[in-house]
Protein backbone atom coordinates (compact mmCIF):
# COMPACT_ATOMS: atom_id res chain seq x y z
CA MET A 1 -102.19 162.22 -102.53
CA SER A 2 -101.16 159.49 -100.15
CA GLY A 3 -103.45 156.55 -98.70
CA GLU A 4 -104.99 155.61 -102.02
CA GLY A 5 -104.44 152.07 -103.53
CA ALA A 6 -103.03 151.40 -106.56
CA SER A 7 -105.70 150.83 -109.52
CA TYR A 8 -103.21 150.50 -112.37
CA VAL A 9 -100.14 148.21 -111.83
CA ALA A 10 -97.27 147.42 -114.42
CA ILE A 11 -94.82 144.52 -113.73
CA ILE A 12 -91.42 143.96 -115.19
CA THR A 13 -91.40 140.32 -114.77
CA ASP A 14 -87.87 139.78 -114.44
CA GLY A 15 -85.72 136.77 -113.32
CA ASN A 16 -87.18 133.47 -114.98
CA GLY A 17 -83.81 132.76 -116.40
CA ARG A 18 -81.94 132.98 -112.93
CA TRP A 19 -84.77 131.08 -111.25
CA ALA A 20 -84.22 127.92 -113.59
CA GLN A 21 -80.49 128.35 -113.36
CA GLN A 22 -80.43 128.36 -109.69
CA ARG A 23 -82.40 125.08 -109.78
CA GLY A 24 -80.43 123.59 -112.60
CA LEU A 25 -83.15 123.50 -115.11
CA PRO A 26 -83.72 124.79 -118.53
CA VAL A 27 -84.57 128.31 -119.03
CA GLU A 28 -87.86 127.12 -120.71
CA ALA A 29 -88.94 126.07 -117.22
CA GLY A 30 -88.09 129.30 -115.70
CA HIS A 31 -90.49 130.68 -118.18
CA ARG A 32 -93.06 128.33 -117.84
CA ALA A 33 -93.08 128.98 -113.83
CA GLY A 34 -93.02 132.85 -114.58
CA ALA A 35 -96.27 132.43 -116.58
CA ASP A 36 -97.71 130.53 -113.72
CA ALA A 37 -96.96 133.54 -111.63
CA VAL A 38 -98.62 135.90 -113.90
CA LYS A 39 -101.78 134.01 -113.62
CA ALA A 40 -101.52 133.71 -109.92
CA ARG A 41 -100.72 137.29 -109.33
CA LEU A 42 -103.52 138.34 -111.69
CA ARG A 43 -106.00 136.75 -109.50
CA ASP A 44 -104.49 138.41 -106.30
CA ALA A 45 -104.64 141.57 -108.20
CA VAL A 46 -108.33 141.25 -108.57
CA ASP A 47 -108.83 140.62 -104.78
CA PHE A 48 -106.37 144.00 -103.96
CA GLY A 49 -108.85 145.99 -106.30
CA VAL A 50 -106.36 146.63 -109.02
CA ARG A 51 -108.43 147.49 -112.24
CA GLU A 52 -105.41 147.10 -114.82
CA LEU A 53 -102.50 144.91 -114.83
CA THR A 54 -100.00 144.87 -117.29
CA VAL A 55 -97.02 142.52 -117.64
CA TYR A 56 -93.74 142.64 -119.79
CA SER A 57 -93.53 139.23 -121.41
CA PHE A 58 -91.54 139.86 -124.51
CA SER A 59 -89.55 142.95 -125.26
CA THR A 60 -88.40 144.08 -128.95
CA GLU A 61 -84.86 143.39 -127.72
CA ASN A 62 -85.49 139.95 -126.63
CA TRP A 63 -85.57 138.69 -130.20
CA SER A 64 -81.66 138.96 -129.90
CA ARG A 65 -81.81 135.77 -127.39
CA PRO A 66 -80.76 132.34 -128.40
CA PRO A 67 -83.08 131.14 -131.04
CA GLU A 68 -84.12 127.95 -129.09
CA GLU A 69 -84.94 130.36 -126.39
CA VAL A 70 -87.11 132.43 -128.47
CA ALA A 71 -88.79 129.44 -130.05
CA GLY A 72 -89.70 128.11 -126.86
CA LEU A 73 -91.32 131.14 -125.85
CA MET A 74 -93.29 131.47 -128.73
CA ARG A 75 -94.54 128.06 -128.27
CA MET A 76 -95.35 128.75 -124.85
CA PHE A 77 -97.06 131.89 -125.62
CA SER A 78 -99.26 130.02 -128.27
CA GLN A 79 -100.21 127.13 -125.63
CA ARG A 80 -100.90 129.56 -122.82
CA ILE A 81 -103.14 131.87 -125.10
CA LEU A 82 -105.05 128.63 -126.49
CA GLY A 83 -105.39 127.20 -123.04
CA GLU A 84 -105.92 129.78 -120.64
CA THR A 85 -108.26 132.35 -122.52
CA PRO A 86 -111.46 130.42 -121.74
CA GLU A 87 -110.55 130.27 -117.99
CA LEU A 88 -109.62 133.80 -117.96
CA ASP A 89 -112.71 134.71 -119.80
CA SER A 90 -114.86 132.85 -117.17
CA GLU A 91 -113.24 134.85 -114.42
CA GLY A 92 -114.04 138.22 -115.92
CA VAL A 93 -110.61 139.23 -117.24
CA ARG A 94 -110.15 141.33 -120.42
CA MET A 95 -107.03 140.40 -122.37
CA ARG A 96 -105.36 143.13 -124.44
CA PHE A 97 -101.95 142.59 -126.19
CA VAL A 98 -99.41 145.51 -126.64
CA GLY A 99 -96.72 145.85 -128.91
CA ARG A 100 -95.64 145.92 -132.55
CA ARG A 101 -97.06 143.16 -134.69
CA ASP A 102 -94.34 143.10 -137.07
CA GLY A 103 -92.40 139.68 -137.44
CA VAL A 104 -94.84 137.89 -135.04
CA ASP A 105 -95.90 134.67 -136.46
CA GLU A 106 -99.09 135.07 -138.47
CA ARG A 107 -100.68 132.20 -136.38
CA LEU A 108 -99.88 133.52 -133.04
CA LEU A 109 -101.32 136.87 -134.32
CA GLU A 110 -104.59 135.14 -134.81
CA GLN A 111 -104.51 133.56 -131.57
CA MET A 112 -103.73 136.98 -129.68
CA ALA A 113 -106.76 138.62 -131.78
CA TRP A 114 -109.10 135.73 -130.74
CA ALA A 115 -108.09 136.02 -127.07
CA GLU A 116 -108.76 139.77 -127.29
CA ASP A 117 -112.20 139.34 -129.07
CA THR A 118 -113.20 136.47 -126.78
CA THR A 119 -112.50 138.60 -123.69
CA ALA A 120 -113.46 141.89 -124.91
CA GLY A 121 -116.85 142.38 -122.95
CA ASN A 122 -115.22 141.62 -119.43
CA ASP A 123 -114.58 144.39 -117.04
CA ARG A 124 -113.53 142.82 -113.82
CA ILE A 125 -109.89 143.51 -114.76
CA THR A 126 -107.91 144.35 -117.80
CA LEU A 127 -104.61 142.27 -118.32
CA PHE A 128 -102.38 144.10 -120.81
CA VAL A 129 -99.62 141.66 -122.19
CA ALA A 130 -96.66 143.49 -123.55
CA PHE A 131 -95.59 141.24 -126.21
CA ASN A 132 -92.99 142.44 -128.85
CA TYR A 133 -93.15 145.69 -127.00
CA GLY A 134 -90.55 148.71 -126.62
CA GLY A 135 -91.28 152.01 -125.12
CA ARG A 136 -89.19 153.75 -127.38
CA ALA A 137 -90.62 151.66 -130.32
CA GLU A 138 -94.20 152.64 -129.35
CA ILE A 139 -93.03 156.32 -129.16
CA ILE A 140 -91.50 156.27 -132.56
CA ASP A 141 -94.47 154.65 -134.07
CA ALA A 142 -96.90 157.05 -132.67
CA ALA A 143 -94.76 160.15 -133.68
CA ARG A 144 -94.49 158.98 -137.31
CA ASP A 145 -98.66 159.60 -137.41
CA PHE A 146 -98.59 162.64 -135.21
CA THR A 147 -99.92 165.84 -136.46
CA GLY A 148 -101.39 167.39 -133.41
CA SER A 149 -100.15 169.61 -130.64
CA THR A 150 -101.25 167.95 -127.27
CA GLU A 151 -100.25 165.06 -124.95
CA GLU A 152 -103.83 163.85 -125.21
CA GLU A 153 -103.77 163.79 -129.20
CA PHE A 154 -100.27 161.97 -129.11
CA ARG A 155 -101.59 159.61 -126.51
CA ARG A 156 -104.46 158.32 -129.01
CA LEU A 157 -101.56 157.22 -131.32
CA LEU A 158 -100.14 154.66 -128.72
CA TYR A 159 -100.61 150.95 -129.23
CA VAL A 160 -103.50 150.88 -126.65
CA PRO A 161 -104.80 154.35 -125.91
CA GLU A 162 -107.32 153.39 -123.19
CA MET A 163 -104.40 152.00 -121.09
CA HIS A 164 -104.25 154.11 -118.01
CA ASP A 165 -100.96 155.36 -116.79
CA PRO A 166 -99.63 153.09 -114.20
CA ASP A 167 -99.86 154.14 -110.68
CA LEU A 168 -97.14 151.68 -109.72
CA VAL A 169 -94.34 149.99 -111.78
CA ILE A 170 -92.86 146.87 -109.94
CA ARG A 171 -89.57 145.16 -111.21
CA THR A 172 -88.20 141.85 -109.76
CA SER A 173 -85.23 140.25 -109.62
CA GLY A 174 -83.13 143.10 -108.24
CA GLU A 175 -82.40 145.16 -111.21
CA GLN A 176 -83.41 148.88 -110.79
CA ARG A 177 -84.14 150.08 -114.40
CA LEU A 178 -87.10 150.48 -116.71
CA SER A 179 -85.69 148.65 -119.55
CA ASN A 180 -87.61 150.28 -121.99
CA TYR A 181 -91.07 149.84 -120.59
CA LEU A 182 -94.07 151.89 -120.86
CA LEU A 183 -91.68 155.11 -120.98
CA TRP A 184 -94.51 157.41 -121.76
CA GLN A 185 -97.10 156.07 -119.41
CA SER A 186 -94.74 155.66 -116.56
CA ALA A 187 -93.64 159.24 -116.71
CA TYR A 188 -95.02 159.88 -112.71
CA SER A 189 -95.44 156.23 -111.85
CA GLU A 190 -94.23 155.16 -108.35
CA LEU A 191 -91.51 152.60 -108.41
CA HIS A 192 -91.09 149.43 -106.51
CA PHE A 193 -87.87 147.13 -106.75
CA THR A 194 -87.56 143.80 -105.23
CA GLU A 195 -84.98 141.17 -104.99
CA VAL A 196 -87.38 138.36 -105.46
CA LEU A 197 -87.30 136.66 -108.70
CA TRP A 198 -90.42 136.69 -110.70
CA PRO A 199 -91.45 132.88 -110.43
CA ASP A 200 -91.03 133.53 -106.60
CA PHE A 201 -92.96 136.87 -106.37
CA SER A 202 -95.84 136.03 -104.05
CA ARG A 203 -99.45 137.35 -103.23
CA ALA A 204 -97.40 138.68 -100.11
CA ASP A 205 -94.89 140.19 -102.15
CA LEU A 206 -97.44 141.87 -104.07
CA GLU A 207 -99.60 142.97 -101.03
CA LEU A 208 -96.38 144.62 -99.72
CA ALA A 209 -95.70 146.47 -102.72
CA LEU A 210 -99.33 147.95 -102.75
CA GLU A 211 -99.08 148.77 -99.12
CA GLN A 212 -96.01 150.65 -99.76
CA TYR A 213 -97.39 152.46 -102.49
CA SER A 214 -100.47 153.62 -100.33
CA ALA A 215 -98.16 154.96 -98.03
CA ARG A 216 -96.37 157.34 -100.36
CA GLU A 217 -97.33 160.82 -101.49
CA ARG A 218 -97.84 161.57 -105.21
CA ARG A 219 -97.17 165.17 -106.08
CA PHE A 220 -96.85 164.71 -109.93
CA GLY A 221 -94.31 167.59 -110.13
CA GLY A 222 -95.94 169.94 -107.67
CA ARG A 223 -95.04 170.61 -104.02
C-alpha cells in the first residue's frame, strides 16, 4: 500500500573511494568520511521514524582489495567501535553486526561483541552493520543447517533472524545493482538509486528517498 513511511531501511554505502579520489585524498580518508556519514544519517533516520537501519560496511568480496586498504579499514572499525559505542548507547541505539566471523581478527570480534552487549537493551533504533557479509554466503550458511520446509524456518537460520525485511534499499554513487547485499531479505524491497557519493549523502538526500518510497504502491507480487 502507498502512503506509509519506511520503518526498515538498508543502505549500500558506496562511493567512499571515488569521493577521496576526486579530492586527491588517500582512500582511507574516504572511508573515514563515509563512517562519519553513517553516524549522521543514523541520527536523521531516528528523526524520520526509521526503526532499523542496515549499512553495508565490508563485504566478503572486500578482502580482495589492496592489503593496506583492508588493514586501514580494520583499524578504523576498531577505533569507531571503541570510540562511538558509548555515545550511541547514550542515544538509545542498539548495535548488531551481521556477517561471517571466520577470518576476522579475534580482538575485533571481542570489540563487536562488547558493542552488542553494551547496547542490547536499547530500542530507539537498531543499527545493523553488515561486516564480512555476503548475501549468498548467508544463504549458503543457513542452508547447511536447514532441515525444515518453510520460509520462516529458514529465516531463523539467517545471521540475524530478528532483522526485518527492509522496506527500502538505497544505493549511492550511481551504481544500480544489489552487489550481494541482503539477497534473502530484499526480495520485495523498494529500490532507490542516487548518483550522490556516500560521504556526500545528506539528510535531504535521505529525506527524498523516504518521500519517494512513501509515494509508491507495494503489491508484494499481487495486483
